[in-house]
């Protein structure tokens, strides 16, 4: 991994030098645009409206237009802003971890200690673990002031940027204003269904099926050419009804519980060793 930022994590008079790394990476199959008629590559160019010339990226500045006047902001102008020059991740406060709304979590970053001794880094990590607190921090990255949550993941401090309060929309749906009667039996069956699907979360069990199917399609087209029947690659699948509301909720819940229990029982049956054979082998 390559560090994208270096600075210091500060709280009070404590200074923790750190390097910042992106904690995630994109696994999507890279695609580009082509002309459907002949397969020619479509490329986008940065063309100046005044002289019609293609402008190199290095010669492009940013500007603000209020409708009457335009103010050009050069890279040097932006780099001179105090926030942009700051190399500090400042701890603003320590809050109970359950007060961080998951909806506001944005991009995650790993922090690596950047000093000969990681003692201050480890101290902060252990303190967050012991107090069950999350540090709310403020810093600047790529010409933006960021608010972030600093928390612990294993032995590493993780910085996860937060959306600003005014970036999160309020959810107001008229349908939820109407009173809805839920019977005890419906709640009981629904809880049974939840229990039948209960498990410890293991993210490694899940894969991006769309990307796998896309890769299969690409490989098949590379092997057979463009004249490809996708049903030959993936097989025929019936169209699922995307609409349609389930009218008999009780029947659906009962059927779901029974199907889930049967599937789990079958799974456990296949996974468990056959005792008789194991005894005979010993």
C-alpha atoms as a PDB file:
ATOM      1  CA  UNK A   1       0.000   0.000   0.000  1.00  0.00           C
ATOM      2  CA  UNK A   2       1.078   3.563  -0.646  1.00  0.00           C
ATOM      3  CA  UNK A   3       0.504   6.281   1.943  1.00  0.00           C
ATOM      4  CA  UNK A   4      -1.747   9.061   0.642  1.00  0.00           C
ATOM      5  CA  UNK A   5      -1.140  11.503   3.525  1.00  0.00           C
ATOM      6  CA  UNK A   6       1.323  12.026   6.366  1.00  0.00           C
ATOM      7  CA  UNK A   7       0.813  14.084   9.469  1.00  0.00           C
ATOM      8  CA  UNK A   8       0.076  13.847  13.164  1.00  0.00           C
ATOM      9  CA  UNK A   9      -2.910  12.746  15.200  1.00  0.00           C
ATOM     10  CA  UNK A  10      -3.271  15.181  18.103  1.00  0.00           C
ATOM     11  CA  UNK A  11      -5.363  15.127  21.267  1.00  0.00           C
ATOM     12  CA  UNK A  12      -4.499  17.511  24.061  1.00  0.00           C
ATOM     13  CA  UNK A  13      -0.715  17.744  24.170  1.00  0.00           C
ATOM     14  CA  UNK A  14      -0.283  14.213  22.817  1.00  0.00           C
ATOM     15  CA  UNK A  15       1.087  14.035  19.283  1.00  0.00           C
ATOM     16  CA  UNK A  16       0.964  10.761  17.317  1.00  0.00           C
ATOM     17  CA  UNK A  17       2.785  10.855  13.944  1.00  0.00           C
ATOM     18  CA  UNK A  18       0.848   8.738  11.412  1.00  0.00           C
ATOM     19  CA  UNK A  19       0.669   7.729   7.784  1.00  0.00           C
ATOM     20  CA  UNK A  20      -2.755   7.427   6.148  1.00  0.00           C
ATOM     21  CA  UNK A  21      -3.665   4.644   3.705  1.00  0.00           C
ATOM     22  CA  UNK A  22      -6.889   3.955   1.840  1.00  0.00           C
ATOM     23  CA  UNK A  23      -8.500   0.916   3.510  1.00  0.00           C
ATOM     24  CA  UNK A  24     -10.495  -0.184   0.472  1.00  0.00           C
ATOM     25  CA  UNK A  25      -9.917  -0.916  -3.206  1.00  0.00           C
ATOM     26  CA  UNK A  26     -12.161  -1.274  -6.240  1.00  0.00           C
ATOM     27  CA  UNK A  27     -12.565  -4.793  -7.660  1.00  0.00           C
ATOM     28  CA  UNK A  28     -14.924  -3.931 -10.527  1.00  0.00           C
ATOM     29  CA  UNK A  29     -14.047  -5.189 -13.991  1.00  0.00           C
ATOM     30  CA  UNK A  30     -12.685  -2.123 -15.851  1.00  0.00           C
ATOM     31  CA  UNK A  31     -14.855  -1.133 -18.827  1.00  0.00           C
ATOM     32  CA  UNK A  32     -14.604   1.720 -21.324  1.00  0.00           C
ATOM     33  CA  UNK A  33     -16.964   3.222 -23.874  1.00  0.00           C
ATOM     34  CA  UNK A  34     -16.891   2.336 -27.578  1.00  0.00           C
ATOM     35  CA  UNK A  35     -18.829   3.282 -30.702  1.00  0.00           C
ATOM     36  CA  UNK A  36     -21.531   0.608 -31.093  1.00  0.00           C
ATOM     37  CA  UNK A  37     -21.261   0.665 -34.904  1.00  0.00           C
ATOM     38  CA  UNK A  38     -17.562  -0.114 -35.241  1.00  0.00           C
ATOM     39  CA  UNK A  39     -16.151  -0.678 -31.732  1.00  0.00           C
ATOM     40  CA  UNK A  40     -13.968   2.436 -31.900  1.00  0.00           C
ATOM     41  CA  UNK A  41     -12.821   3.753 -28.521  1.00  0.00           C
ATOM     42  CA  UNK A  42     -14.679   6.825 -27.231  1.00  0.00           C
ATOM     43  CA  UNK A  43     -12.374   9.280 -25.448  1.00  0.00           C
ATOM     44  CA  UNK A  44     -13.151  12.525 -23.681  1.00  0.00           C
ATOM     45  CA  UNK A  45     -10.952  15.546 -24.214  1.00  0.00           C
ATOM     46  CA  UNK A  46     -10.608  18.781 -22.239  1.00  0.00           C
ATOM     47  CA  UNK A  47     -11.230  21.472 -24.859  1.00  0.00           C
ATOM     48  CA  UNK A  48     -11.075  25.212 -24.204  1.00  0.00           C
ATOM     49  CA  UNK A  49     -14.296  26.958 -25.316  1.00  0.00           C
ATOM     50  CA  UNK A  50     -12.377  30.065 -26.415  1.00  0.00           C
ATOM     51  CA  UNK A  51      -9.655  28.694 -28.678  1.00  0.00           C
ATOM     52  CA  UNK A  52     -10.944  25.156 -29.299  1.00  0.00           C
ATOM     53  CA  UNK A  53      -7.606  23.672 -28.248  1.00  0.00           C
ATOM     54  CA  UNK A  54      -7.153  20.509 -26.167  1.00  0.00           C
ATOM     55  CA  UNK A  55      -5.790  21.602 -22.774  1.00  0.00           C
ATOM     56  CA  UNK A  56      -3.256  19.446 -20.849  1.00  0.00           C
ATOM     57  CA  UNK A  57      -4.408  18.597 -17.334  1.00  0.00           C
ATOM     58  CA  UNK A  58      -1.378  20.444 -15.860  1.00  0.00           C
ATOM     59  CA  UNK A  59      -2.655  23.708 -17.417  1.00  0.00           C
ATOM     60  CA  UNK A  60      -6.135  23.504 -15.907  1.00  0.00           C
ATOM     61  CA  UNK A  61      -7.116  25.683 -12.937  1.00  0.00           C
ATOM     62  CA  UNK A  62     -10.412  25.932 -11.067  1.00  0.00           C
ATOM     63  CA  UNK A  63     -12.792  28.866 -11.079  1.00  0.00           C
ATOM     64  CA  UNK A  64     -15.890  30.211  -9.336  1.00  0.00           C
ATOM     65  CA  UNK A  65     -18.589  31.904 -11.421  1.00  0.00           C
ATOM     66  CA  UNK A  66     -21.333  33.921  -9.716  1.00  0.00           C
ATOM     67  CA  UNK A  67     -23.189  34.525 -12.978  1.00  0.00           C
ATOM     68  CA  UNK A  68     -21.544  37.855 -13.712  1.00  0.00           C
ATOM     69  CA  UNK A  69     -17.884  37.452 -12.743  1.00  0.00           C
ATOM     70  CA  UNK A  70     -15.400  34.584 -12.781  1.00  0.00           C
ATOM     71  CA  UNK A  71     -12.663  34.166 -10.189  1.00  0.00           C
ATOM     72  CA  UNK A  72      -9.819  31.834 -11.201  1.00  0.00           C
ATOM     73  CA  UNK A  73      -8.212  29.838  -8.365  1.00  0.00           C
ATOM     74  CA  UNK A  74      -4.782  28.437  -9.131  1.00  0.00           C
ATOM     75  CA  UNK A  75      -3.249  25.368  -7.486  1.00  0.00           C
ATOM     76  CA  UNK A  76      -0.992  27.721  -5.503  1.00  0.00           C
ATOM     77  CA  UNK A  77      -4.025  29.691  -4.290  1.00  0.00           C
ATOM     78  CA  UNK A  78      -5.687  26.550  -2.973  1.00  0.00           C
ATOM     79  CA  UNK A  79      -2.477  25.188  -1.440  1.00  0.00           C
ATOM     80  CA  UNK A  80      -2.062  28.454   0.483  1.00  0.00           C
ATOM     81  CA  UNK A  81      -5.286  27.991   2.456  1.00  0.00           C
ATOM     82  CA  UNK A  82      -4.519  27.401   6.173  1.00  0.00           C
ATOM     83  CA  UNK A  83      -6.651  24.249   6.333  1.00  0.00           C
ATOM     84  CA  UNK A  84      -4.900  22.754   3.309  1.00  0.00           C
ATOM     85  CA  UNK A  85      -1.465  23.433   4.826  1.00  0.00           C
ATOM     86  CA  UNK A  86      -2.381  21.769   8.113  1.00  0.00           C
ATOM     87  CA  UNK A  87      -0.919  18.312   8.630  1.00  0.00           C
ATOM     88  CA  UNK A  88      -2.901  17.528  11.775  1.00  0.00           C
ATOM     89  CA  UNK A  89      -5.766  15.173  12.512  1.00  0.00           C
ATOM     90  CA  UNK A  90      -7.263  16.959  15.494  1.00  0.00           C
ATOM     91  CA  UNK A  91      -9.354  15.055  18.032  1.00  0.00           C
ATOM     92  CA  UNK A  92     -12.388  17.231  18.758  1.00  0.00           C
ATOM     93  CA  UNK A  93     -14.101  14.957  21.287  1.00  0.00           C
ATOM     94  CA  UNK A  94     -14.510  11.363  22.433  1.00  0.00           C
ATOM     95  CA  UNK A  95     -18.083  10.087  22.168  1.00  0.00           C
ATOM     96  CA  UNK A  96     -19.857   6.797  23.035  1.00  0.00           C
ATOM     97  CA  UNK A  97     -19.390   4.532  20.030  1.00  0.00           C
ATOM     98  CA  UNK A  98     -23.115   3.814  19.695  1.00  0.00           C
ATOM     99  CA  UNK A  99     -23.772   7.516  19.078  1.00  0.00           C
ATOM    100  CA  UNK A 100     -22.130   7.377  15.636  1.00  0.00           C
ATOM    101  CA  UNK A 101     -24.944   6.942  13.117  1.00  0.00           C
ATOM    102  CA  UNK A 102     -23.951   4.273  10.575  1.00  0.00           C
ATOM    103  CA  UNK A 103     -25.693   6.326   7.887  1.00  0.00           C
ATOM    104  CA  UNK A 104     -23.053   9.042   8.216  1.00  0.00           C
ATOM    105  CA  UNK A 105     -20.040   6.732   7.761  1.00  0.00           C
ATOM    106  CA  UNK A 106     -18.173   7.329   4.518  1.00  0.00           C
ATOM    107  CA  UNK A 107     -14.682   6.321   3.296  1.00  0.00           C
ATOM    108  CA  UNK A 108     -12.315   4.351   5.607  1.00  0.00           C
ATOM    109  CA  UNK A 109      -8.557   4.810   6.008  1.00  0.00           C
ATOM    110  CA  UNK A 110      -5.884   2.930   7.958  1.00  0.00           C
ATOM    111  CA  UNK A 111      -3.482   4.830  10.187  1.00  0.00           C
ATOM    112  CA  UNK A 112       0.070   3.532  10.580  1.00  0.00           C
ATOM    113  CA  UNK A 113       2.400   4.861  13.307  1.00  0.00           C
ATOM    114  CA  UNK A 114       5.113   6.995  11.705  1.00  0.00           C
ATOM    115  CA  UNK A 115       7.761   7.202  14.403  1.00  0.00           C
ATOM    116  CA  UNK A 116      10.561   5.104  15.855  1.00  0.00           C
ATOM    117  CA  UNK A 117       8.335   4.212  18.818  1.00  0.00           C
ATOM    118  CA  UNK A 118       4.614   3.356  18.402  1.00  0.00           C
ATOM    119  CA  UNK A 119       3.919   3.837  22.123  1.00  0.00           C
ATOM    120  CA  UNK A 120       1.628   6.874  21.763  1.00  0.00           C
ATOM    121  CA  UNK A 121      -0.263   5.105  18.947  1.00  0.00           C
ATOM    122  CA  UNK A 122      -0.773   1.946  21.018  1.00  0.00           C
ATOM    123  CA  UNK A 123      -1.754   4.012  24.061  1.00  0.00           C
ATOM    124  CA  UNK A 124      -4.513   5.760  22.131  1.00  0.00           C
ATOM    125  CA  UNK A 125      -5.697   2.449  20.665  1.00  0.00           C
ATOM    126  CA  UNK A 126      -5.894   0.770  24.068  1.00  0.00           C
ATOM    127  CA  UNK A 127      -7.619   3.811  25.583  1.00  0.00           C
ATOM    128  CA  UNK A 128     -10.342   3.752  22.919  1.00  0.00           C
ATOM    129  CA  UNK A 129     -10.826   0.021  23.510  1.00  0.00           C
ATOM    130  CA  UNK A 130     -11.023   0.343  27.296  1.00  0.00           C
ATOM    131  CA  UNK A 131     -13.397   3.320  27.326  1.00  0.00           C
ATOM    132  CA  UNK A 132     -15.545   2.034  24.406  1.00  0.00           C
ATOM    133  CA  UNK A 133     -15.307   5.490  22.880  1.00  0.00           C
ATOM    134  CA  UNK A 134     -14.907   6.745  19.341  1.00  0.00           C
ATOM    135  CA  UNK A 135     -12.836   9.846  18.675  1.00  0.00           C
ATOM    136  CA  UNK A 136     -14.437  12.486  16.468  1.00  0.00           C
ATOM    137  CA  UNK A 137     -11.639  14.176  14.541  1.00  0.00           C
ATOM    138  CA  UNK A 138     -11.236  16.989  12.037  1.00  0.00           C
ATOM    139  CA  UNK A 139      -8.622  17.252   9.287  1.00  0.00           C
ATOM    140  CA  UNK A 140      -8.057  18.424   5.705  1.00  0.00           C
ATOM    141  CA  UNK A 141      -7.523  16.100   2.766  1.00  0.00           C
ATOM    142  CA  UNK A 142      -7.580  16.864  -0.970  1.00  0.00           C
ATOM    143  CA  UNK A 143      -8.880  20.407  -0.621  1.00  0.00           C
ATOM    144  CA  UNK A 144     -11.697  19.494   1.728  1.00  0.00           C
ATOM    145  CA  UNK A 145     -12.185  19.773   5.470  1.00  0.00           C
ATOM    146  CA  UNK A 146     -13.248  16.379   6.754  1.00  0.00           C
ATOM    147  CA  UNK A 147     -15.020  15.182   9.854  1.00  0.00           C
ATOM    148  CA  UNK A 148     -14.193  11.599  10.755  1.00  0.00           C
ATOM    149  CA  UNK A 149     -14.600   8.867  13.342  1.00  0.00           C
ATOM    150  CA  UNK A 150     -11.414   7.345  14.735  1.00  0.00           C
ATOM    151  CA  UNK A 151     -11.920   3.810  16.009  1.00  0.00           C
ATOM    152  CA  UNK A 152     -10.103   0.531  16.536  1.00  0.00           C
ATOM    153  CA  UNK A 153     -10.048  -2.433  14.150  1.00  0.00           C
ATOM    154  CA  UNK A 154      -7.892  -5.254  15.458  1.00  0.00           C
ATOM    155  CA  UNK A 155      -4.504  -3.686  16.230  1.00  0.00           C
ATOM    156  CA  UNK A 156      -4.976  -0.769  13.854  1.00  0.00           C
ATOM    157  CA  UNK A 157      -6.538   2.677  14.220  1.00  0.00           C
ATOM    158  CA  UNK A 158      -9.098   3.312  11.486  1.00  0.00           C
ATOM    159  CA  UNK A 159     -10.172   6.738  10.329  1.00  0.00           C
ATOM    160  CA  UNK A 160     -13.616   6.769   8.710  1.00  0.00           C
ATOM    161  CA  UNK A 161     -14.813  10.025   7.222  1.00  0.00           C
ATOM    162  CA  UNK A 162     -18.285  11.198   8.201  1.00  0.00           C
ATOM    163  CA  UNK A 163     -20.910  12.968   6.161  1.00  0.00           C
ATOM    164  CA  UNK A 164     -21.731  16.437   7.414  1.00  0.00           C
ATOM    165  CA  UNK A 165     -25.124  16.732   9.107  1.00  0.00           C
ATOM    166  CA  UNK A 166     -26.621  18.720   6.214  1.00  0.00           C
ATOM    167  CA  UNK A 167     -25.550  16.039   3.710  1.00  0.00           C
ATOM    168  CA  UNK A 168     -27.928  13.452   5.190  1.00  0.00           C
ATOM    169  CA  UNK A 169     -31.486  13.735   3.953  1.00  0.00           C
ATOM    170  CA  UNK A 170     -34.476  13.403   6.232  1.00  0.00           C
ATOM    171  CA  UNK A 171     -36.687  10.430   5.399  1.00  0.00           C
ATOM    172  CA  UNK A 172     -40.322  11.519   5.220  1.00  0.00           C
ATOM    173  CA  UNK A 173     -42.719   9.001   3.682  1.00  0.00           C
ATOM    174  CA  UNK A 174     -46.454   9.572   3.810  1.00  0.00           C
ATOM    175  CA  UNK A 175     -47.130   5.827   3.856  1.00  0.00           C
ATOM    176  CA  UNK A 176     -45.414   5.525   7.259  1.00  0.00           C
ATOM    177  CA  UNK A 177     -47.701   8.152   8.788  1.00  0.00           C
ATOM    178  CA  UNK A 178     -50.675   5.805   8.538  1.00  0.00           C
ATOM    179  CA  UNK A 179     -51.356   3.579  11.589  1.00  0.00           C
ATOM    180  CA  UNK A 180     -50.547  -0.093  10.985  1.00  0.00           C
ATOM    181  CA  UNK A 181     -51.804  -2.918  13.198  1.00  0.00           C
ATOM    182  CA  UNK A 182     -49.336  -5.775  13.772  1.00  0.00           C
ATOM    183  CA  UNK A 183     -50.643  -8.795  15.648  1.00  0.00           C
ATOM    184  CA  UNK A 184     -48.659 -10.685  18.297  1.00  0.00           C
ATOM    185  CA  UNK A 185     -48.771 -13.795  16.106  1.00  0.00           C
ATOM    186  CA  UNK A 186     -47.246 -11.915  13.171  1.00  0.00           C
ATOM    187  CA  UNK A 187     -44.480 -10.599  15.415  1.00  0.00           C
ATOM    188  CA  UNK A 188     -43.861 -14.092  16.768  1.00  0.00           C
ATOM    189  CA  UNK A 189     -43.596 -15.622  13.292  1.00  0.00           C
ATOM    190  CA  UNK A 190     -41.411 -12.775  12.083  1.00  0.00           C
ATOM    191  CA  UNK A 191     -39.069 -13.284  15.065  1.00  0.00           C
ATOM    192  CA  UNK A 192     -38.947 -17.015  14.268  1.00  0.00           C
ATOM    193  CA  UNK A 193     -37.952 -16.191  10.711  1.00  0.00           C
ATOM    194  CA  UNK A 194     -35.183 -13.916  11.968  1.00  0.00           C
ATOM    195  CA  UNK A 195     -33.963 -16.663  14.283  1.00  0.00           C
ATOM    196  CA  UNK A 196     -33.897 -19.185  11.441  1.00  0.00           C
ATOM    197  CA  UNK A 197     -31.590 -16.881   9.461  1.00  0.00           C
ATOM    198  CA  UNK A 198     -29.380 -16.007  12.459  1.00  0.00           C
ATOM    199  CA  UNK A 199     -25.621 -16.471  12.034  1.00  0.00           C
ATOM    200  CA  UNK A 200     -22.280 -14.877  12.838  1.00  0.00           C
ATOM    201  CA  UNK A 201     -21.374 -12.478  10.056  1.00  0.00           C
ATOM    202  CA  UNK A 202     -18.476 -13.640   7.905  1.00  0.00           C
ATOM    203  CA  UNK A 203     -17.880 -11.216   4.997  1.00  0.00           C
ATOM    204  CA  UNK A 204     -15.676 -13.794   3.215  1.00  0.00           C
ATOM    205  CA  UNK A 205     -18.808 -15.877   2.524  1.00  0.00           C
ATOM    206  CA  UNK A 206     -20.164 -13.204   0.204  1.00  0.00           C
ATOM    207  CA  UNK A 207     -18.973 -12.365  -3.295  1.00  0.00           C
ATOM    208  CA  UNK A 208     -19.898  -9.797  -5.914  1.00  0.00           C
ATOM    209  CA  UNK A 209     -22.019 -12.008  -8.174  1.00  0.00           C
ATOM    210  CA  UNK A 210     -22.479  -9.308 -10.815  1.00  0.00           C
ATOM    211  CA  UNK A 211     -18.719  -8.907 -11.281  1.00  0.00           C
ATOM    212  CA  UNK A 212     -18.271 -12.682 -11.453  1.00  0.00           C
ATOM    213  CA  UNK A 213     -21.015 -12.952 -14.091  1.00  0.00           C
ATOM    214  CA  UNK A 214     -19.496 -10.023 -16.000  1.00  0.00           C
ATOM    215  CA  UNK A 215     -16.097 -11.712 -16.023  1.00  0.00           C
ATOM    216  CA  UNK A 216     -17.718 -14.985 -17.194  1.00  0.00           C
ATOM    217  CA  UNK A 217     -19.448 -13.103 -20.005  1.00  0.00           C
ATOM    218  CA  UNK A 218     -16.215 -11.399 -21.061  1.00  0.00           C
ATOM    219  CA  UNK A 219     -14.277 -14.678 -21.033  1.00  0.00           C
ATOM    220  CA  UNK A 220     -17.000 -16.372 -23.084  1.00  0.00           C
ATOM    221  CA  UNK A 221     -17.030 -13.556 -25.652  1.00  0.00           C
ATOM    222  CA  UNK A 222     -13.227 -13.674 -25.884  1.00  0.00           C
ATOM    223  CA  UNK A 223     -13.441 -17.398 -26.578  1.00  0.00           C
ATOM    224  CA  UNK A 224     -16.459 -17.446 -28.923  1.00  0.00           C
ATOM    225  CA  UNK A 225     -16.608 -13.965 -30.371  1.00  0.00           C
ATOM    226  CA  UNK A 226     -19.336 -11.326 -30.144  1.00  0.00           C
ATOM    227  CA  UNK A 227     -22.153 -13.546 -31.510  1.00  0.00           C
ATOM    228  CA  UNK A 228     -22.963 -14.980 -28.109  1.00  0.00           C
ATOM    229  CA  UNK A 229     -26.248 -16.163 -26.654  1.00  0.00           C
ATOM    230  CA  UNK A 230     -26.097 -15.239 -22.962  1.00  0.00           C
ATOM    231  CA  UNK A 231     -28.492 -18.062 -22.107  1.00  0.00           C
ATOM    232  CA  UNK A 232     -25.781 -20.450 -23.303  1.00  0.00           C
ATOM    233  CA  UNK A 233     -23.382 -18.974 -20.767  1.00  0.00           C
ATOM    234  CA  UNK A 234     -25.642 -18.531 -17.755  1.00  0.00           C
ATOM    235  CA  UNK A 235     -28.591 -20.808 -18.489  1.00  0.00           C
ATOM    236  CA  UNK A 236     -32.233 -19.813 -18.633  1.00  0.00           C
ATOM    237  CA  UNK A 237     -33.702 -18.115 -15.591  1.00  0.00           C
ATOM    238  CA  UNK A 238     -37.298 -17.205 -15.063  1.00  0.00           C
ATOM    239  CA  UNK A 239     -38.039 -13.543 -14.586  1.00  0.00           C
ATOM    240  CA  UNK A 240     -38.692 -12.657 -10.981  1.00  0.00           C
ATOM    241  CA  UNK A 241     -41.699 -10.538 -10.227  1.00  0.00           C
ATOM    242  CA  UNK A 242     -40.184  -7.232  -9.126  1.00  0.00           C
ATOM    243  CA  UNK A 243     -43.524  -5.781  -8.154  1.00  0.00           C
ATOM    244  CA  UNK A 244     -46.575  -7.167  -6.472  1.00  0.00           C
ATOM    245  CA  UNK A 245     -47.227  -6.913  -2.765  1.00  0.00           C
ATOM    246  CA  UNK A 246     -47.526 -10.022  -0.636  1.00  0.00           C
ATOM    247  CA  UNK A 247     -51.164 -10.038   0.464  1.00  0.00           C
ATOM    248  CA  UNK A 248     -51.190 -12.982   2.872  1.00  0.00           C
ATOM    249  CA  UNK A 249     -48.411 -11.942   5.246  1.00  0.00           C
ATOM    250  CA  UNK A 250     -49.052 -14.760   7.720  1.00  0.00           C
ATOM    251  CA  UNK A 251     -48.831 -17.431   5.018  1.00  0.00           C
ATOM    252  CA  UNK A 252     -45.639 -15.903   3.651  1.00  0.00           C
ATOM    253  CA  UNK A 253     -44.048 -15.808   7.104  1.00  0.00           C
ATOM    254  CA  UNK A 254     -45.001 -19.418   7.868  1.00  0.00           C
ATOM    255  CA  UNK A 255     -43.711 -20.662   4.518  1.00  0.00           C
ATOM    256  CA  UNK A 256     -40.483 -18.687   4.912  1.00  0.00           C
ATOM    257  CA  UNK A 257     -39.815 -20.076   8.390  1.00  0.00           C
ATOM    258  CA  UNK A 258     -40.442 -23.653   7.250  1.00  0.00           C
ATOM    259  CA  UNK A 259     -38.264 -23.298   4.159  1.00  0.00           C
ATOM    260  CA  UNK A 260     -35.435 -21.672   6.112  1.00  0.00           C
ATOM    261  CA  UNK A 261     -35.513 -24.363   8.819  1.00  0.00           C
ATOM    262  CA  UNK A 262     -35.496 -27.139   6.219  1.00  0.00           C
ATOM    263  CA  UNK A 263     -32.587 -25.536   4.367  1.00  0.00           C
ATOM    264  CA  UNK A 264     -30.575 -25.136   7.580  1.00  0.00           C
ATOM    265  CA  UNK A 265     -31.288 -28.723   8.655  1.00  0.00           C
ATOM    266  CA  UNK A 266     -30.141 -30.006   5.259  1.00  0.00           C
ATOM    267  CA  UNK A 267     -27.015 -27.859   5.449  1.00  0.00           C
ATOM    268  CA  UNK A 268     -26.144 -29.158   8.923  1.00  0.00           C
ATOM    269  CA  UNK A 269     -26.811 -32.730   7.797  1.00  0.00           C
ATOM    270  CA  UNK A 270     -24.361 -32.396   4.910  1.00  0.00           C
ATOM    271  CA  UNK A 271     -21.741 -30.618   7.029  1.00  0.00           C
ATOM    272  CA  UNK A 272     -21.789 -33.010  10.013  1.00  0.00           C
ATOM    273  CA  UNK A 273     -19.513 -36.119   9.806  1.00  0.00           C
ATOM    274  CA  UNK A 274     -21.156 -39.529   9.740  1.00  0.00           C
ATOM    275  CA  UNK A 275     -20.516 -40.952  13.185  1.00  0.00           C
ATOM    276  CA  UNK A 276     -20.898 -44.563  12.130  1.00  0.00           C
ATOM    277  CA  UNK A 277     -18.189 -44.357   9.498  1.00  0.00           C
ATOM    278  CA  UNK A 278     -15.888 -42.409  11.784  1.00  0.00           C
ATOM    279  CA  UNK A 279     -16.201 -45.083  14.501  1.00  0.00           C
ATOM    280  CA  UNK A 280     -15.582 -47.935  12.065  1.00  0.00           C
ATOM    281  CA  UNK A 281     -12.494 -46.189  10.677  1.00  0.00           C
ATOM    282  CA  UNK A 282     -11.009 -45.861  14.163  1.00  0.00           C
END
